[in-house]
Amino acid sequence: MTDPQQDTNTMRALQGLKHTDASVRLRAALAVGTTPDPRGVDPLVARCGIEPDFSVREMLTWALTRHPAAQTVPRLLRELGSERAQARSQALHTLSKIGDRRAWPAITRALLTDADDEVARSAWRAAVALVPDGATAELAEVLSTQLGRGNRETRLSLSRALIALGEVIIPILRAAATDPDPRVRAHATATQRLWEDPDAAFEYATDEAIRVVALGPAAASG
């Protein structure tokens, strides 16, 4: 039997997710996660797709992880087909936090190569978290097609995802280091340097890789 007071608190918290004040939305998400209720899943997922505040989005994800995966995962998987990039990105982020490997088949090549950098980065993290044994090499091959993509933050995210896959990336990075595109070569070289020295700064590894790529033809001709 439902506790009337708890029912009232839940409904008040769900209404709070729509408040114009981010601090109120944050407290509302905290309340929903503190006392999980199946009625909270749809509103939490829906809010993830439109919430402008990063801290609130993180709390929404936390609140979803507090609910049973059987309730949240199917709803999150439907979000992966949303036309809204933030909805796809946040659903992927939340799936990576839940860690239910039954979601793996939904991490498609289309998501891993999504035109939106935030979606792609979330897909890379989710894929690394959910990839089953035996699929690591195939995942590494797909991720390698994104080498050279985006800004520093995007490239670093990809490097970290590749490194997390382990030694399977070494031959892939060596092949990419000979790619005709200098951006791909530099990114592959920087990623290999980070693999060899995890404590190295990405900026330093990238600068060194760019220098190596730039001097390669000169060295070869000299």
N, C-alpha and C. Protein backbone atom coordinates (compact mmCIF):
# COMPACT_ATOMS: atom_id res chain seq x y z
N MET A 1 0.85 -1.20 0.00
CA MET A 1 0.00 0.00 0.00
C MET A 1 0.87 1.24 0.00
N THR A 2 0.55 2.20 -0.81
CA THR A 2 1.35 3.40 -0.94
C THR A 2 1.17 4.31 0.26
N ASP A 3 2.27 4.79 0.80
CA ASP A 3 2.24 5.77 1.89
C ASP A 3 1.77 7.11 1.32
N PRO A 4 0.65 7.66 1.82
CA PRO A 4 0.13 8.92 1.26
C PRO A 4 1.15 10.05 1.30
N GLN A 5 1.94 10.12 2.39
CA GLN A 5 2.92 11.19 2.51
C GLN A 5 4.03 11.02 1.48
N GLN A 6 4.47 9.76 1.33
CA GLN A 6 5.51 9.50 0.34
C GLN A 6 4.99 9.79 -1.06
N ASP A 7 3.74 9.44 -1.31
CA ASP A 7 3.14 9.71 -2.61
C ASP A 7 3.11 11.22 -2.89
N THR A 8 2.75 11.99 -1.88
CA THR A 8 2.71 13.44 -2.02
C THR A 8 4.10 14.00 -2.28
N ASN A 9 5.09 13.49 -1.54
CA ASN A 9 6.47 13.95 -1.71
C ASN A 9 7.00 13.63 -3.10
N THR A 10 6.66 12.45 -3.59
CA THR A 10 7.11 12.05 -4.93
C THR A 10 6.53 12.97 -5.99
N MET A 11 5.24 13.22 -5.89
CA MET A 11 4.59 14.06 -6.89
C MET A 11 5.12 15.49 -6.82
N ARG A 12 5.41 15.96 -5.62
CA ARG A 12 5.96 17.32 -5.47
C ARG A 12 7.35 17.38 -6.10
N ALA A 13 8.15 16.34 -5.89
CA ALA A 13 9.50 16.31 -6.45
C ALA A 13 9.45 16.27 -7.98
N LEU A 14 8.54 15.48 -8.52
CA LEU A 14 8.43 15.40 -9.98
C LEU A 14 8.00 16.73 -10.58
N GLN A 15 7.15 17.44 -9.89
CA GLN A 15 6.78 18.78 -10.34
C GLN A 15 7.98 19.72 -10.28
N GLY A 16 8.83 19.51 -9.26
CA GLY A 16 10.02 20.35 -9.10
C GLY A 16 11.01 20.23 -10.23
N LEU A 17 10.96 19.12 -10.96
CA LEU A 17 11.87 18.94 -12.10
C LEU A 17 11.61 19.96 -13.20
N LYS A 18 10.43 20.58 -13.18
CA LYS A 18 10.06 21.54 -14.21
C LYS A 18 10.28 22.99 -13.77
N HIS A 19 10.76 23.18 -12.55
CA HIS A 19 10.90 24.53 -12.00
C HIS A 19 11.92 25.35 -12.79
N THR A 20 11.71 26.66 -12.82
CA THR A 20 12.63 27.53 -13.57
C THR A 20 13.97 27.70 -12.87
N ASP A 21 14.03 27.45 -11.56
CA ASP A 21 15.26 27.60 -10.78
C ASP A 21 16.04 26.29 -10.80
N ALA A 22 17.29 26.33 -11.27
CA ALA A 22 18.10 25.11 -11.38
C ALA A 22 18.32 24.46 -10.02
N SER A 23 18.46 25.27 -8.96
CA SER A 23 18.69 24.70 -7.63
C SER A 23 17.48 23.91 -7.16
N VAL A 24 16.28 24.36 -7.52
CA VAL A 24 15.08 23.62 -7.18
C VAL A 24 15.03 22.31 -7.97
N ARG A 25 15.38 22.36 -9.24
CA ARG A 25 15.40 21.13 -10.05
C ARG A 25 16.43 20.15 -9.51
N LEU A 26 17.56 20.67 -9.05
CA LEU A 26 18.61 19.81 -8.48
C LEU A 26 18.08 19.08 -7.25
N ARG A 27 17.43 19.82 -6.36
CA ARG A 27 16.89 19.20 -5.15
C ARG A 27 15.78 18.21 -5.48
N ALA A 28 15.01 18.52 -6.51
CA ALA A 28 13.94 17.63 -6.92
C ALA A 28 14.50 16.30 -7.43
N ALA A 29 15.53 16.38 -8.26
CA ALA A 29 16.16 15.15 -8.77
C ALA A 29 16.77 14.34 -7.63
N LEU A 30 17.37 15.03 -6.67
CA LEU A 30 17.93 14.35 -5.50
C LEU A 30 16.83 13.62 -4.73
N ALA A 31 15.70 14.29 -4.56
CA ALA A 31 14.59 13.68 -3.83
C ALA A 31 14.05 12.45 -4.56
N VAL A 32 13.92 12.54 -5.88
CA VAL A 32 13.41 11.40 -6.65
C VAL A 32 14.38 10.22 -6.56
N GLY A 33 15.67 10.51 -6.58
CA GLY A 33 16.65 9.43 -6.47
C GLY A 33 16.76 8.87 -5.07
N THR A 34 16.53 9.69 -4.07
CA THR A 34 16.62 9.24 -2.69
C THR A 34 15.49 8.27 -2.34
N THR A 35 14.33 8.51 -2.92
CA THR A 35 13.18 7.62 -2.71
C THR A 35 12.68 7.17 -4.07
N PRO A 36 13.33 6.17 -4.66
CA PRO A 36 12.97 5.74 -6.02
C PRO A 36 11.51 5.32 -6.12
N ASP A 37 10.91 5.69 -7.25
CA ASP A 37 9.51 5.36 -7.52
C ASP A 37 9.40 5.13 -9.02
N PRO A 38 8.77 4.05 -9.46
CA PRO A 38 8.66 3.79 -10.90
C PRO A 38 8.07 4.95 -11.68
N ARG A 39 7.21 5.74 -11.04
CA ARG A 39 6.60 6.88 -11.73
C ARG A 39 7.62 7.97 -12.04
N GLY A 40 8.80 7.88 -11.43
CA GLY A 40 9.81 8.90 -11.66
C GLY A 40 10.66 8.67 -12.90
N VAL A 41 10.66 7.45 -13.42
CA VAL A 41 11.57 7.12 -14.51
C VAL A 41 11.31 7.95 -15.76
N ASP A 42 10.09 7.97 -16.24
CA ASP A 42 9.78 8.73 -17.46
C ASP A 42 10.07 10.22 -17.31
N PRO A 43 9.64 10.86 -16.21
CA PRO A 43 9.95 12.28 -16.06
C PRO A 43 11.45 12.56 -15.97
N LEU A 44 12.20 11.68 -15.32
CA LEU A 44 13.65 11.87 -15.22
C LEU A 44 14.31 11.78 -16.60
N VAL A 45 13.94 10.76 -17.35
CA VAL A 45 14.52 10.58 -18.69
C VAL A 45 14.14 11.75 -19.60
N ALA A 46 12.88 12.15 -19.53
CA ALA A 46 12.43 13.26 -20.37
C ALA A 46 13.18 14.54 -20.02
N ARG A 47 13.41 14.76 -18.74
CA ARG A 47 14.12 15.98 -18.33
C ARG A 47 15.56 15.95 -18.78
N CYS A 48 16.16 14.78 -18.80
CA CYS A 48 17.56 14.66 -19.26
C CYS A 48 17.73 15.25 -20.66
N GLY A 49 16.73 15.10 -21.50
CA GLY A 49 16.85 15.53 -22.88
C GLY A 49 16.79 17.02 -23.08
N ILE A 50 16.33 17.76 -22.06
CA ILE A 50 16.16 19.20 -22.22
C ILE A 50 16.82 20.03 -21.13
N GLU A 51 17.33 19.38 -20.09
CA GLU A 51 17.90 20.10 -18.95
C GLU A 51 19.16 20.88 -19.35
N PRO A 52 19.18 22.21 -19.15
CA PRO A 52 20.33 23.00 -19.58
C PRO A 52 21.50 23.02 -18.60
N ASP A 53 21.25 22.68 -17.34
CA ASP A 53 22.28 22.79 -16.31
C ASP A 53 23.03 21.47 -16.13
N PHE A 54 24.36 21.52 -16.22
CA PHE A 54 25.17 20.30 -16.15
C PHE A 54 24.99 19.58 -14.82
N SER A 55 25.03 20.32 -13.71
CA SER A 55 24.91 19.70 -12.39
C SER A 55 23.56 19.00 -12.22
N VAL A 56 22.52 19.61 -12.75
CA VAL A 56 21.21 18.99 -12.67
C VAL A 56 21.17 17.73 -13.52
N ARG A 57 21.78 17.78 -14.70
CA ARG A 57 21.80 16.57 -15.55
C ARG A 57 22.52 15.42 -14.85
N GLU A 58 23.60 15.74 -14.17
CA GLU A 58 24.32 14.70 -13.43
C GLU A 58 23.46 14.11 -12.31
N MET A 59 22.69 14.97 -11.65
CA MET A 59 21.79 14.48 -10.59
C MET A 59 20.66 13.66 -11.17
N LEU A 60 20.17 14.04 -12.34
CA LEU A 60 19.14 13.25 -13.01
C LEU A 60 19.66 11.85 -13.33
N THR A 61 20.89 11.80 -13.82
CA THR A 61 21.51 10.49 -14.11
C THR A 61 21.65 9.67 -12.85
N TRP A 62 22.13 10.32 -11.78
CA TRP A 62 22.25 9.61 -10.50
C TRP A 62 20.90 9.06 -10.04
N ALA A 63 19.87 9.89 -10.15
CA ALA A 63 18.54 9.46 -9.73
C ALA A 63 18.07 8.24 -10.54
N LEU A 64 18.38 8.22 -11.82
CA LEU A 64 18.01 7.07 -12.65
C LEU A 64 18.77 5.82 -12.24
N THR A 65 20.03 5.96 -11.87
CA THR A 65 20.80 4.79 -11.45
C THR A 65 20.27 4.20 -10.15
N ARG A 66 19.49 4.96 -9.42
CA ARG A 66 18.91 4.48 -8.17
C ARG A 66 17.68 3.61 -8.39
N HIS A 67 17.16 3.64 -9.60
CA HIS A 67 15.99 2.82 -9.94
C HIS A 67 16.46 1.49 -10.54
N PRO A 68 15.64 0.45 -10.49
CA PRO A 68 16.02 -0.83 -11.07
C PRO A 68 16.30 -0.70 -12.58
N ALA A 69 17.34 -1.39 -13.03
CA ALA A 69 17.71 -1.33 -14.45
C ALA A 69 16.56 -1.80 -15.34
N ALA A 70 15.76 -2.73 -14.84
CA ALA A 70 14.64 -3.23 -15.63
C ALA A 70 13.64 -2.12 -15.95
N GLN A 71 13.60 -1.09 -15.12
CA GLN A 71 12.70 0.03 -15.36
C GLN A 71 13.34 1.11 -16.22
N THR A 72 14.64 1.33 -16.02
CA THR A 72 15.30 2.46 -16.68
C THR A 72 15.88 2.14 -18.05
N VAL A 73 16.51 0.98 -18.19
CA VAL A 73 17.23 0.68 -19.44
C VAL A 73 16.32 0.70 -20.66
N PRO A 74 15.17 0.05 -20.66
CA PRO A 74 14.31 0.10 -21.86
C PRO A 74 13.92 1.54 -22.23
N ARG A 75 13.64 2.35 -21.23
CA ARG A 75 13.25 3.74 -21.50
C ARG A 75 14.42 4.53 -22.07
N LEU A 76 15.63 4.30 -21.53
CA LEU A 76 16.82 4.99 -22.04
C LEU A 76 17.16 4.55 -23.45
N LEU A 77 16.96 3.30 -23.75
CA LEU A 77 17.25 2.80 -25.10
C LEU A 77 16.38 3.48 -26.14
N ARG A 78 15.15 3.79 -25.77
CA ARG A 78 14.27 4.49 -26.71
C ARG A 78 14.79 5.90 -27.01
N GLU A 79 15.46 6.49 -26.02
CA GLU A 79 15.99 7.84 -26.21
C GLU A 79 17.13 7.88 -27.23
N LEU A 80 17.77 6.75 -27.46
CA LEU A 80 18.90 6.72 -28.39
C LEU A 80 18.46 7.03 -29.83
N GLY A 81 17.18 6.92 -30.09
CA GLY A 81 16.67 7.25 -31.41
C GLY A 81 16.09 8.65 -31.50
N SER A 82 16.25 9.44 -30.44
CA SER A 82 15.69 10.79 -30.41
C SER A 82 16.38 11.70 -31.43
N GLU A 83 15.63 12.65 -31.96
CA GLU A 83 16.21 13.65 -32.86
C GLU A 83 17.00 14.69 -32.07
N ARG A 84 16.79 14.76 -30.77
CA ARG A 84 17.48 15.73 -29.93
C ARG A 84 18.83 15.17 -29.49
N ALA A 85 19.90 15.84 -29.86
CA ALA A 85 21.25 15.34 -29.55
C ALA A 85 21.47 15.17 -28.06
N GLN A 86 20.99 16.12 -27.27
CA GLN A 86 21.20 16.02 -25.82
C GLN A 86 20.51 14.80 -25.24
N ALA A 87 19.35 14.46 -25.78
CA ALA A 87 18.64 13.27 -25.30
C ALA A 87 19.46 12.01 -25.57
N ARG A 88 20.04 11.93 -26.77
CA ARG A 88 20.87 10.77 -27.09
C ARG A 88 22.11 10.73 -26.20
N SER A 89 22.75 11.88 -26.06
CA SER A 89 23.98 11.95 -25.29
C SER A 89 23.76 11.58 -23.83
N GLN A 90 22.73 12.15 -23.22
CA GLN A 90 22.50 11.89 -21.81
C GLN A 90 22.02 10.47 -21.56
N ALA A 91 21.27 9.91 -22.49
CA ALA A 91 20.85 8.52 -22.35
C ALA A 91 22.07 7.60 -22.39
N LEU A 92 22.99 7.87 -23.30
CA LEU A 92 24.22 7.07 -23.39
C LEU A 92 25.04 7.20 -22.10
N HIS A 93 25.15 8.43 -21.62
CA HIS A 93 25.89 8.68 -20.38
C HIS A 93 25.28 7.88 -19.22
N THR A 94 23.97 7.91 -19.13
CA THR A 94 23.29 7.20 -18.04
C THR A 94 23.44 5.70 -18.18
N LEU A 95 23.33 5.19 -19.40
CA LEU A 95 23.53 3.76 -19.62
C LEU A 95 24.92 3.32 -19.20
N SER A 96 25.92 4.17 -19.46
CA SER A 96 27.29 3.82 -19.06
C SER A 96 27.41 3.75 -17.55
N LYS A 97 26.66 4.58 -16.83
CA LYS A 97 26.68 4.58 -15.37
C LYS A 97 25.92 3.39 -14.80
N ILE A 98 24.84 3.00 -15.45
CA ILE A 98 24.08 1.84 -15.00
C ILE A 98 24.89 0.56 -15.21
N GLY A 99 25.57 0.48 -16.36
CA GLY A 99 26.48 -0.64 -16.62
C GLY A 99 25.81 -1.96 -16.95
N ASP A 100 24.58 -1.92 -17.41
CA ASP A 100 23.86 -3.15 -17.78
C ASP A 100 24.25 -3.52 -19.21
N ARG A 101 24.98 -4.62 -19.36
CA ARG A 101 25.52 -4.98 -20.67
C ARG A 101 24.46 -5.43 -21.67
N ARG A 102 23.25 -5.59 -21.22
CA ARG A 102 22.18 -5.90 -22.17
C ARG A 102 21.92 -4.71 -23.10
N ALA A 103 22.45 -3.55 -22.72
CA ALA A 103 22.29 -2.36 -23.57
C ALA A 103 23.32 -2.32 -24.70
N TRP A 104 24.30 -3.19 -24.68
CA TRP A 104 25.38 -3.16 -25.66
C TRP A 104 24.91 -3.15 -27.11
N PRO A 105 23.96 -4.02 -27.51
CA PRO A 105 23.56 -4.02 -28.93
C PRO A 105 23.03 -2.68 -29.42
N ALA A 106 22.60 -1.82 -28.51
CA ALA A 106 22.04 -0.52 -28.92
C ALA A 106 23.13 0.51 -29.17
N ILE A 107 24.39 0.20 -28.80
CA ILE A 107 25.50 1.13 -29.04
C ILE A 107 25.99 0.89 -30.46
N THR A 108 25.31 1.47 -31.40
CA THR A 108 25.54 1.19 -32.81
C THR A 108 26.69 2.02 -33.39
N ARG A 109 27.13 1.61 -34.55
CA ARG A 109 28.15 2.38 -35.27
C ARG A 109 27.65 3.80 -35.54
N ALA A 110 26.35 3.94 -35.81
CA ALA A 110 25.79 5.27 -36.07
C ALA A 110 25.97 6.18 -34.87
N LEU A 111 25.81 5.65 -33.67
CA LEU A 111 26.01 6.45 -32.47
C LEU A 111 27.50 6.72 -32.23
N LEU A 112 28.32 5.73 -32.47
CA LEU A 112 29.77 5.89 -32.26
C LEU A 112 30.38 6.89 -33.23
N THR A 113 29.70 7.14 -34.33
CA THR A 113 30.18 8.09 -35.33
C THR A 113 29.21 9.25 -35.50
N ASP A 114 28.37 9.47 -34.51
CA ASP A 114 27.35 10.53 -34.57
C ASP A 114 28.00 11.87 -34.92
N ALA A 115 27.30 12.65 -35.73
CA ALA A 115 27.84 13.94 -36.15
C ALA A 115 28.00 14.92 -35.00
N ASP A 116 27.23 14.74 -33.93
CA ASP A 116 27.33 15.60 -32.75
C ASP A 116 28.45 15.08 -31.84
N ASP A 117 29.42 15.93 -31.54
CA ASP A 117 30.57 15.49 -30.76
C ASP A 117 30.18 14.97 -29.37
N GLU A 118 29.23 15.63 -28.71
CA GLU A 118 28.82 15.20 -27.38
C GLU A 118 28.19 13.81 -27.41
N VAL A 119 27.38 13.56 -28.43
CA VAL A 119 26.76 12.24 -28.57
C VAL A 119 27.84 11.19 -28.82
N ALA A 120 28.75 11.49 -29.74
CA ALA A 120 29.81 10.53 -30.04
C ALA A 120 30.66 10.23 -28.82
N ARG A 121 31.04 11.28 -28.08
CA ARG A 121 31.88 11.08 -26.89
C ARG A 121 31.15 10.22 -25.85
N SER A 122 29.86 10.48 -25.66
CA SER A 122 29.08 9.67 -24.72
C SER A 122 28.99 8.23 -25.21
N ALA A 123 28.86 8.05 -26.51
CA ALA A 123 28.79 6.70 -27.07
C ALA A 123 30.11 5.97 -26.87
N TRP A 124 31.23 6.68 -27.02
CA TRP A 124 32.54 6.04 -26.81
C TRP A 124 32.66 5.54 -25.38
N ARG A 125 32.28 6.40 -24.43
CA ARG A 125 32.39 6.01 -23.02
C ARG A 125 31.45 4.85 -22.70
N ALA A 126 30.23 4.92 -23.22
CA ALA A 126 29.28 3.84 -22.97
C ALA A 126 29.76 2.53 -23.59
N ALA A 127 30.31 2.60 -24.78
CA ALA A 127 30.79 1.40 -25.46
C ALA A 127 31.90 0.73 -24.67
N VAL A 128 32.83 1.53 -24.19
CA VAL A 128 33.94 0.98 -23.40
C VAL A 128 33.43 0.33 -22.12
N ALA A 129 32.41 0.93 -21.52
CA ALA A 129 31.85 0.39 -20.28
C ALA A 129 31.06 -0.89 -20.50
N LEU A 130 30.45 -1.03 -21.67
CA LEU A 130 29.51 -2.12 -21.90
C LEU A 130 30.01 -3.22 -22.83
N VAL A 131 31.12 -2.99 -23.52
CA VAL A 131 31.58 -3.94 -24.53
C VAL A 131 31.80 -5.33 -23.93
N PRO A 132 31.23 -6.36 -24.53
CA PRO A 132 31.41 -7.72 -24.02
C PRO A 132 32.73 -8.32 -24.49
N ASP A 133 33.13 -9.37 -23.83
CA ASP A 133 34.33 -10.09 -24.26
C ASP A 133 34.13 -10.56 -25.70
N GLY A 134 35.16 -10.39 -26.50
CA GLY A 134 35.09 -10.83 -27.89
C GLY A 134 34.72 -9.74 -28.86
N ALA A 135 34.25 -8.59 -28.36
CA ALA A 135 33.86 -7.51 -29.25
C ALA A 135 34.81 -6.32 -29.18
N THR A 136 35.87 -6.46 -28.38
CA THR A 136 36.78 -5.33 -28.16
C THR A 136 37.50 -4.91 -29.44
N ALA A 137 38.00 -5.87 -30.20
CA ALA A 137 38.75 -5.55 -31.41
C ALA A 137 37.86 -4.84 -32.43
N GLU A 138 36.65 -5.31 -32.58
CA GLU A 138 35.73 -4.68 -33.53
C GLU A 138 35.41 -3.25 -33.10
N LEU A 139 35.21 -3.06 -31.79
CA LEU A 139 34.95 -1.73 -31.28
C LEU A 139 36.14 -0.81 -31.52
N ALA A 140 37.34 -1.31 -31.29
CA ALA A 140 38.54 -0.51 -31.50
C ALA A 140 38.66 -0.07 -32.96
N GLU A 141 38.30 -0.96 -33.88
CA GLU A 141 38.35 -0.61 -35.31
C GLU A 141 37.39 0.52 -35.62
N VAL A 142 36.19 0.45 -35.06
CA VAL A 142 35.21 1.52 -35.31
C VAL A 142 35.68 2.83 -34.70
N LEU A 143 36.17 2.78 -33.47
CA LEU A 143 36.65 4.00 -32.82
C LEU A 143 37.82 4.62 -33.58
N SER A 144 38.65 3.80 -34.17
CA SER A 144 39.82 4.32 -34.88
C SER A 144 39.42 5.15 -36.09
N THR A 145 38.21 4.95 -36.60
CA THR A 145 37.76 5.75 -37.74
C THR A 145 37.49 7.20 -37.33
N GLN A 146 37.48 7.46 -36.03
CA GLN A 146 37.22 8.81 -35.53
C GLN A 146 38.49 9.56 -35.14
N LEU A 147 39.63 8.94 -35.34
CA LEU A 147 40.91 9.61 -35.03
C LEU A 147 41.04 10.88 -35.85
N GLY A 148 41.50 11.93 -35.20
CA GLY A 148 41.67 13.22 -35.86
C GLY A 148 40.44 14.10 -35.79
N ARG A 149 39.39 13.60 -35.18
CA ARG A 149 38.11 14.31 -35.15
C ARG A 149 38.07 15.36 -34.03
N GLY A 150 37.48 16.49 -34.33
CA GLY A 150 37.06 17.44 -33.31
C GLY A 150 38.16 18.23 -32.63
N ASN A 151 37.78 18.85 -31.51
CA ASN A 151 38.70 19.69 -30.75
C ASN A 151 39.52 18.84 -29.77
N ARG A 152 40.32 19.52 -28.97
CA ARG A 152 41.20 18.82 -28.03
C ARG A 152 40.41 17.90 -27.10
N GLU A 153 39.29 18.39 -26.56
CA GLU A 153 38.50 17.61 -25.62
C GLU A 153 37.95 16.35 -26.26
N THR A 154 37.50 16.48 -27.50
CA THR A 154 36.97 15.33 -28.22
C THR A 154 38.07 14.32 -28.51
N ARG A 155 39.21 14.81 -28.96
CA ARG A 155 40.33 13.90 -29.25
C ARG A 155 40.82 13.19 -28.00
N LEU A 156 40.87 13.90 -26.88
CA LEU A 156 41.30 13.29 -25.64
C LEU A 156 40.31 12.20 -25.20
N SER A 157 39.02 12.47 -25.35
CA SER A 157 38.01 11.47 -25.01
C SER A 157 38.19 10.20 -25.82
N LEU A 158 38.47 10.37 -27.11
CA LEU A 158 38.67 9.20 -27.96
C LEU A 158 39.93 8.45 -27.56
N SER A 159 41.00 9.19 -27.27
CA SER A 159 42.24 8.54 -26.86
C SER A 159 42.02 7.72 -25.59
N ARG A 160 41.31 8.27 -24.64
CA ARG A 160 41.04 7.55 -23.39
C ARG A 160 40.20 6.31 -23.64
N ALA A 161 39.22 6.42 -24.53
CA ALA A 161 38.38 5.27 -24.84
C ALA A 161 39.20 4.16 -25.49
N LEU A 162 40.05 4.54 -26.43
CA LEU A 162 40.90 3.54 -27.10
C LEU A 162 41.84 2.88 -26.11
N ILE A 163 42.49 3.67 -25.28
CA ILE A 163 43.45 3.13 -24.32
C ILE A 163 42.76 2.17 -23.35
N ALA A 164 41.51 2.47 -22.99
CA ALA A 164 40.78 1.60 -22.07
C ALA A 164 40.52 0.22 -22.65
N LEU A 165 40.61 0.08 -23.97
CA LEU A 165 40.37 -1.22 -24.61
C LEU A 165 41.57 -2.15 -24.53
N GLY A 166 42.72 -1.61 -24.15
CA GLY A 166 43.88 -2.47 -23.95
C GLY A 166 44.76 -2.66 -25.18
N GLU A 167 45.56 -3.70 -25.17
CA GLU A 167 46.60 -3.91 -26.18
C GLU A 167 46.07 -4.10 -27.59
N VAL A 168 44.79 -4.40 -27.71
CA VAL A 168 44.21 -4.59 -29.04
C VAL A 168 44.37 -3.34 -29.90
N ILE A 169 44.57 -2.18 -29.27
CA ILE A 169 44.65 -0.93 -30.04
C ILE A 169 46.02 -0.70 -30.67
N ILE A 170 47.06 -1.41 -30.23
CA ILE A 170 48.42 -1.11 -30.68
C ILE A 170 48.58 -1.25 -32.20
N PRO A 171 48.23 -2.39 -32.80
CA PRO A 171 48.36 -2.47 -34.27
C PRO A 171 47.46 -1.49 -35.00
N ILE A 172 46.32 -1.17 -34.42
CA ILE A 172 45.41 -0.21 -35.04
C ILE A 172 46.01 1.18 -35.04
N LEU A 173 46.64 1.57 -33.93
CA LEU A 173 47.28 2.88 -33.85
C LEU A 173 48.49 2.96 -34.79
N ARG A 174 49.23 1.87 -34.89
CA ARG A 174 50.40 1.87 -35.79
C ARG A 174 49.96 2.06 -37.23
N ALA A 175 48.86 1.42 -37.59
CA ALA A 175 48.34 1.58 -38.96
C ALA A 175 47.85 3.01 -39.17
N ALA A 176 47.17 3.56 -38.18
CA ALA A 176 46.65 4.92 -38.31
C ALA A 176 47.77 5.96 -38.36
N ALA A 177 48.91 5.63 -37.78
CA ALA A 177 50.05 6.55 -37.79
C ALA A 177 50.63 6.74 -39.19
N THR A 178 50.18 5.95 -40.14
CA THR A 178 50.62 6.11 -41.54
C THR A 178 49.50 6.62 -42.43
N ASP A 179 48.40 7.06 -41.82
CA ASP A 179 47.24 7.53 -42.59
C ASP A 179 47.62 8.77 -43.40
N PRO A 180 47.04 8.94 -44.58
CA PRO A 180 47.34 10.13 -45.40
C PRO A 180 46.96 11.45 -44.71
N ASP A 181 45.99 11.41 -43.83
CA ASP A 181 45.53 12.63 -43.15
C ASP A 181 46.46 12.94 -41.98
N PRO A 182 47.13 14.09 -41.98
CA PRO A 182 48.06 14.42 -40.88
C PRO A 182 47.37 14.52 -39.53
N ARG A 183 46.09 14.88 -39.50
CA ARG A 183 45.37 14.95 -38.22
C ARG A 183 45.20 13.57 -37.62
N VAL A 184 44.91 12.59 -38.48
CA VAL A 184 44.77 11.21 -38.02
C VAL A 184 46.11 10.69 -37.53
N ARG A 185 47.16 10.97 -38.30
CA ARG A 185 48.49 10.50 -37.90
C ARG A 185 48.91 11.08 -36.56
N ALA A 186 48.69 12.38 -36.39
CA ALA A 186 49.08 13.03 -35.13
C ALA A 186 48.28 12.49 -33.96
N HIS A 187 47.00 12.30 -34.16
CA HIS A 187 46.16 11.80 -33.06
C HIS A 187 46.53 10.37 -32.70
N ALA A 188 46.78 9.55 -33.70
CA ALA A 188 47.17 8.16 -33.43
C ALA A 188 48.50 8.12 -32.69
N THR A 189 49.45 8.95 -33.13
CA THR A 189 50.77 8.99 -32.48
C THR A 189 50.65 9.48 -31.04
N ALA A 190 49.83 10.51 -30.81
CA ALA A 190 49.63 11.03 -29.46
C ALA A 190 48.98 9.97 -28.56
N THR A 191 48.03 9.24 -29.11
CA THR A 191 47.36 8.20 -28.33
C THR A 191 48.34 7.10 -27.95
N GLN A 192 49.22 6.73 -28.89
CA GLN A 192 50.21 5.70 -28.59
C GLN A 192 51.18 6.18 -27.51
N ARG A 193 51.53 7.46 -27.54
CA ARG A 193 52.41 8.01 -26.51
C ARG A 193 51.73 7.95 -25.14
N LEU A 194 50.44 8.26 -25.12
CA LEU A 194 49.71 8.17 -23.85
C LEU A 194 49.59 6.73 -23.37
N TRP A 195 49.45 5.82 -24.31
CA TRP A 195 49.42 4.39 -23.94
C TRP A 195 50.74 3.98 -23.28
N GLU A 196 51.84 4.44 -23.86
CA GLU A 196 53.15 4.09 -23.33
C GLU A 196 53.47 4.82 -22.03
N ASP A 197 52.93 6.04 -21.88
CA ASP A 197 53.18 6.84 -20.68
C ASP A 197 51.88 7.48 -20.23
N PRO A 198 51.08 6.75 -19.42
CA PRO A 198 49.77 7.26 -19.00
C PRO A 198 49.83 8.58 -18.23
N ASP A 199 51.00 8.88 -17.65
CA ASP A 199 51.13 10.12 -16.88
C ASP A 199 51.46 11.33 -17.75
N ALA A 200 51.72 11.09 -19.01
CA ALA A 200 52.06 12.20 -19.90
C ALA A 200 50.84 13.08 -20.13
N ALA A 201 51.08 14.38 -20.25
CA ALA A 201 50.00 15.31 -20.53
C ALA A 201 49.58 15.17 -21.98
N PHE A 202 48.30 15.24 -22.24
CA PHE A 202 47.80 15.08 -23.61
C PHE A 202 48.33 16.18 -24.51
N GLU A 203 48.42 17.41 -23.97
CA GLU A 203 48.93 18.52 -24.77
C GLU A 203 50.35 18.24 -25.24
N TYR A 204 51.17 17.74 -24.31
CA TYR A 204 52.57 17.44 -24.67
C TYR A 204 52.63 16.32 -25.70
N ALA A 205 51.83 15.27 -25.47
CA ALA A 205 51.84 14.15 -26.41
C ALA A 205 51.37 14.60 -27.79
N THR A 206 50.37 15.47 -27.81
CA THR A 206 49.86 15.97 -29.08
C THR A 206 50.89 16.85 -29.79
N ASP A 207 51.51 17.75 -29.03
CA ASP A 207 52.54 18.62 -29.62
C ASP A 207 53.68 17.81 -30.20
N GLU A 208 54.10 16.80 -29.46
CA GLU A 208 55.19 15.93 -29.93
C GLU A 208 54.76 15.16 -31.17
N ALA A 209 53.53 14.69 -31.16
CA ALA A 209 53.04 13.94 -32.31
C ALA A 209 52.96 14.82 -33.55
N ILE A 210 52.49 16.05 -33.37
CA ILE A 210 52.42 16.99 -34.50
C ILE A 210 53.81 17.26 -35.06
N ARG A 211 54.79 17.41 -34.15
CA ARG A 211 56.16 17.66 -34.58
C ARG A 211 56.71 16.47 -35.39
N VAL A 212 56.42 15.25 -34.88
CA VAL A 212 56.89 14.06 -35.57
C VAL A 212 56.26 13.95 -36.95
N VAL A 213 54.95 14.22 -37.02
CA VAL A 213 54.25 14.15 -38.29
C VAL A 213 54.79 15.18 -39.26
N ALA A 214 55.04 16.40 -38.73
CA ALA A 214 55.52 17.50 -39.58
C ALA A 214 56.91 17.22 -40.10
N LEU A 215 57.77 16.62 -39.27
CA LEU A 215 59.15 16.40 -39.67
C LEU A 215 59.36 15.10 -40.44
N GLY A 216 58.30 14.24 -40.42
CA GLY A 216 58.45 12.94 -41.07
C GLY A 216 58.87 13.05 -42.53
N PRO A 217 58.13 13.76 -43.35
CA PRO A 217 58.50 13.85 -44.77
C PRO A 217 59.89 14.47 -44.96
N ALA A 218 60.23 15.49 -44.13
CA ALA A 218 61.53 16.12 -44.24
C ALA A 218 62.63 15.13 -43.88
N ALA A 219 62.38 14.36 -42.84
CA ALA A 219 63.38 13.37 -42.42
C ALA A 219 63.55 12.30 -43.49
N ALA A 220 62.42 11.92 -44.09
CA ALA A 220 62.48 10.86 -45.11
C ALA A 220 63.24 11.33 -46.34
N SER A 221 63.08 12.64 -46.69
CA SER A 221 63.71 13.13 -47.88
C SER A 221 65.18 13.53 -47.64
N GLY A 222 65.47 13.72 -46.33
CA GLY A 222 66.82 14.15 -46.02
C GLY A 222 67.72 12.99 -45.87
